[in-house]
Protein backbone atom coordinates (compact mmCIF):
# COMPACT_ATOMS: atom_id res chain seq x y z
CA UNK A 1 81.25 28.51 22.50
CA UNK A 2 79.33 27.66 25.59
CA UNK A 3 76.45 29.68 24.31
CA UNK A 4 76.32 27.84 21.00
CA UNK A 5 75.86 24.32 22.42
CA UNK A 6 72.81 25.13 24.52
CA UNK A 7 71.36 26.97 21.53
CA UNK A 8 71.82 23.93 19.30
CA UNK A 9 70.32 21.66 21.91
CA UNK A 10 67.36 23.98 22.33
CA UNK A 11 66.69 24.05 18.57
CA UNK A 12 67.05 20.30 18.26
CA UNK A 13 64.72 19.49 21.15
CA UNK A 14 61.82 21.60 19.84
CA UNK A 15 62.40 20.28 16.31
CA UNK A 16 62.29 16.68 17.61
CA UNK A 17 59.22 17.46 19.72
CA UNK A 18 57.53 19.10 16.74
CA UNK A 19 58.44 16.11 14.55
CA UNK A 20 57.04 13.73 17.19
CA UNK A 21 53.88 15.82 17.52
CA UNK A 22 53.35 15.85 13.77
CA UNK A 23 53.97 12.13 13.57
CA UNK A 24 51.47 11.51 16.39
CA UNK A 25 48.86 13.66 14.63
CA UNK A 26 49.38 11.78 11.40
CA UNK A 27 49.22 8.48 13.24
CA UNK A 28 45.98 9.38 15.04
CA UNK A 29 44.53 10.69 11.78
CA UNK A 30 45.40 7.38 10.06
CA UNK A 31 43.84 5.44 12.92
CA UNK A 32 40.71 7.58 12.70
CA UNK A 33 40.50 7.05 8.93
CA UNK A 34 41.14 3.35 9.42
CA UNK A 35 38.32 3.16 11.95
CA UNK A 36 35.97 5.06 9.60
CA UNK A 37 37.04 2.82 6.76
CA UNK A 38 36.41 -0.25 8.84
CA UNK A 39 32.93 0.98 9.66
CA UNK A 40 32.06 1.72 6.08
CA UNK A 41 33.62 -1.54 4.95
CA UNK A 42 31.51 -3.41 7.48
CA UNK A 43 28.25 -2.00 6.16
CA UNK A 44 28.44 -3.42 2.65
CA UNK A 45 29.48 -6.84 3.92
CA UNK A 46 26.57 -6.80 6.38
CA UNK A 47 24.25 -5.96 3.49
CA UNK A 48 25.72 -8.72 1.43
CA UNK A 49 25.11 -11.17 4.25
CA UNK A 50 21.43 -10.16 4.33
CA UNK A 51 21.14 -10.54 0.62
CA UNK A 52 22.80 -13.93 0.72
CA UNK A 53 20.19 -15.15 3.19
CA UNK A 54 17.62 -15.10 0.39
CA UNK A 55 15.88 -11.89 1.32
CA UNK A 56 14.38 -9.97 -1.57
CA UNK A 57 15.35 -6.38 -2.19
CA UNK A 58 12.89 -3.86 -0.65
CA UNK A 59 11.60 -2.53 -4.00
CA UNK A 60 10.77 -5.45 -6.23
CA UNK A 61 8.60 -4.43 -9.16
CA UNK A 62 5.91 -6.98 -9.89
CA UNK A 63 5.04 -7.81 -13.46
CA UNK A 64 1.66 -6.31 -14.33
CA UNK A 65 -0.72 -8.01 -16.72
CA UNK A 66 -1.08 -6.37 -20.08
CA UNK A 67 -4.09 -4.08 -20.20
CA UNK A 68 -6.26 -2.69 -22.97
CA UNK A 69 -8.76 0.16 -23.25
CA UNK A 70 -12.26 -0.53 -21.96
CA UNK A 71 -15.17 1.64 -23.10
CA UNK A 72 -18.67 1.12 -21.81
CA UNK A 73 -21.62 3.27 -22.87
CA UNK A 74 -24.90 3.29 -20.93
CA UNK A 75 -27.49 0.80 -22.19
CA UNK A 76 -30.37 -0.25 -19.93
CA UNK A 77 -30.29 -3.79 -21.33
CA UNK A 78 -26.70 -4.25 -19.96
CA UNK A 79 -28.05 -4.56 -16.37
CA UNK A 80 -28.22 -8.28 -15.59
CA UNK A 81 -29.26 -10.36 -12.61
CA UNK A 82 -26.14 -12.54 -12.76
CA UNK A 83 -24.04 -11.07 -9.96
CA UNK A 84 -23.27 -11.75 -6.32
CA UNK A 85 -26.62 -10.54 -4.90
CA UNK A 86 -30.02 -11.94 -5.98
CA UNK A 87 -31.70 -8.56 -5.19
CA UNK A 88 -29.43 -6.61 -7.55
CA UNK A 89 -28.82 -6.10 -11.24
CA UNK A 90 -25.24 -5.48 -12.45
CA UNK A 91 -23.84 -3.58 -15.41
CA UNK A 92 -20.27 -4.82 -16.04
CA UNK A 93 -18.02 -2.02 -17.28
CA UNK A 94 -15.53 -4.37 -18.98
CA UNK A 95 -12.66 -3.60 -16.58
CA UNK A 96 -11.98 -7.20 -15.53
CA UNK A 97 -11.38 -8.31 -19.13
CA UNK A 98 -9.44 -5.18 -20.06
CA UNK A 99 -7.16 -5.46 -17.00
CA UNK A 100 -6.71 -9.26 -17.24
CA UNK A 101 -8.29 -9.69 -13.82
CA UNK A 102 -6.43 -6.89 -12.03
CA UNK A 103 -9.70 -5.12 -11.17
CA UNK A 104 -13.43 -5.08 -11.77
CA UNK A 105 -15.95 -2.28 -11.92
CA UNK A 106 -19.69 -2.38 -12.28
CA UNK A 107 -22.80 -0.35 -11.67
CA UNK A 108 -25.21 -2.03 -9.23
CA UNK A 109 -28.97 -1.39 -9.12
CA UNK A 110 -30.48 -2.66 -5.92
CA UNK A 111 -34.05 -3.82 -6.66
CA UNK A 112 -36.61 -2.36 -4.22
CA UNK A 113 -38.31 -2.44 -1.98
CA UNK A 114 -35.54 -3.53 0.43
CA UNK A 115 -36.23 -6.85 2.16
CA UNK A 116 -33.94 -6.94 5.28
CA UNK A 117 -34.33 -10.72 5.69
CA UNK A 118 -32.75 -11.19 2.25
CA UNK A 119 -30.44 -8.19 2.17
CA UNK A 120 -29.10 -7.67 5.72
CA UNK A 121 -26.62 -10.56 5.99
CA UNK A 122 -23.26 -9.89 7.67
CA UNK A 123 -20.41 -10.80 5.29
CA UNK A 124 -16.94 -9.82 4.10
CA UNK A 125 -15.04 -9.91 0.82
CA UNK A 126 -11.49 -11.23 0.52
CA UNK A 127 -10.24 -8.35 -1.63
CA UNK A 128 -7.19 -6.08 -1.88
CA UNK A 129 -9.32 -2.90 -2.44
CA UNK A 130 -13.01 -2.02 -2.63
CA UNK A 131 -14.66 1.35 -3.25
CA UNK A 132 -18.30 2.27 -3.65
CA UNK A 133 -19.79 5.51 -5.04
CA UNK A 134 -23.56 6.34 -4.89
CA UNK A 135 -24.73 7.41 -8.34
CA UNK A 136 -28.45 7.74 -7.45
CA UNK A 137 -30.65 7.37 -4.41
CA UNK A 138 -29.35 6.29 -0.97
CA UNK A 139 -28.19 3.21 0.89
CA UNK A 140 -27.88 2.58 4.63
CA UNK A 141 -24.89 0.39 5.53
CA UNK A 142 -23.29 -1.10 8.59
CA UNK A 143 -19.49 -1.56 8.65
CA UNK A 144 -17.48 -3.03 11.52
CA UNK A 145 -15.79 -0.23 13.43
CA UNK A 146 -17.87 2.42 11.62
CA UNK A 147 -21.40 1.51 12.62
CA UNK A 148 -24.47 2.58 10.62
CA UNK A 149 -24.08 5.17 7.90
CA UNK A 150 -26.50 6.47 5.28
CA UNK A 151 -24.78 7.15 1.98
CA UNK A 152 -26.58 9.47 -0.46
CA UNK A 153 -26.04 10.45 -4.08
CA UNK A 154 -22.45 11.65 -4.37
CA UNK A 155 -21.26 9.75 -1.28
CA UNK A 156 -18.29 7.39 -1.60
CA UNK A 157 -16.54 4.97 0.75
CA UNK A 158 -13.89 2.31 0.85
CA UNK A 159 -14.19 -1.04 2.55
CA UNK A 160 -10.88 -2.38 3.82
CA UNK A 161 -10.08 -6.03 3.05
CA UNK A 162 -12.24 -8.51 4.98
CA UNK A 163 -14.19 -5.81 6.87
CA UNK A 164 -17.54 -7.23 8.12
CA UNK A 165 -20.44 -5.27 6.68
CA UNK A 166 -24.05 -5.39 5.48
CA UNK A 167 -26.72 -3.38 3.73
CA UNK A 168 -29.52 -2.33 6.08
CA UNK A 169 -31.82 -0.46 3.74
CA UNK A 170 -31.89 1.41 0.42
CA UNK A 171 -34.07 3.57 -1.81
CA UNK A 172 -36.01 1.98 -4.67
CA UNK A 173 -33.88 3.92 -7.22
CA UNK A 174 -30.40 3.35 -5.78
CA UNK A 175 -27.48 2.82 -8.17
CA UNK A 176 -23.92 2.25 -6.98
CA UNK A 177 -20.55 2.23 -8.76
CA UNK A 178 -18.29 -0.44 -7.25
CA UNK A 179 -14.57 -0.89 -8.00
CA UNK A 180 -12.80 -3.97 -6.63
CA UNK A 181 -9.27 -5.42 -6.83
CA UNK A 182 -8.78 -8.19 -7.87
CA UNK A 183 -11.61 -9.00 -10.28
CA UNK A 184 -12.09 -12.47 -8.81
CA UNK A 185 -12.55 -12.67 -5.05
CA UNK A 186 -14.19 -14.74 -2.31
CA UNK A 187 -17.25 -13.53 -0.30
CA UNK A 188 -17.89 -15.10 3.08
CA UNK A 189 -21.32 -14.86 4.77
CA UNK A 190 -21.16 -14.93 8.58
CA UNK A 191 -23.75 -16.55 10.83
CA UNK A 192 -25.30 -14.10 13.26
């Protein structure tokens, strides 16, 4: 019988130790899950706090004005001296009306010969976007940060909002396509 008691005690001790070990593992696993759960639970509440402070969601889709199709066929009589520059004639392509003011596009004929005292005035436009494409001839421009550049037929460039620029010279036959957003904008001439 002496051999049976130690055998029973030996089996009970490892069984208790194994039970304790399993319980400890389960407990640490529960704690780990609880910690992870606390972390994930904290994130949504933090986001809710940001949202409750009146901040707009990152991707808010703005309502766009209703647009319609604009078709403009070439007619020489559509070039008019009613635009921004007195030394230019403009052919409106109907984009401003069709886009409800979202954008404008026109073809500009600069009337030669170039008179630098009239033409070469440093200025900027308060726009969101401006792009120019040379349809015919050439134009020499100055843009802040870019310097002087001669643009020829097929050349295109963008002018970032409020960039200071001026026209230095142009050919007698130059025609430019200009696209600007929005259709209505402010031009500011700068004293040199």
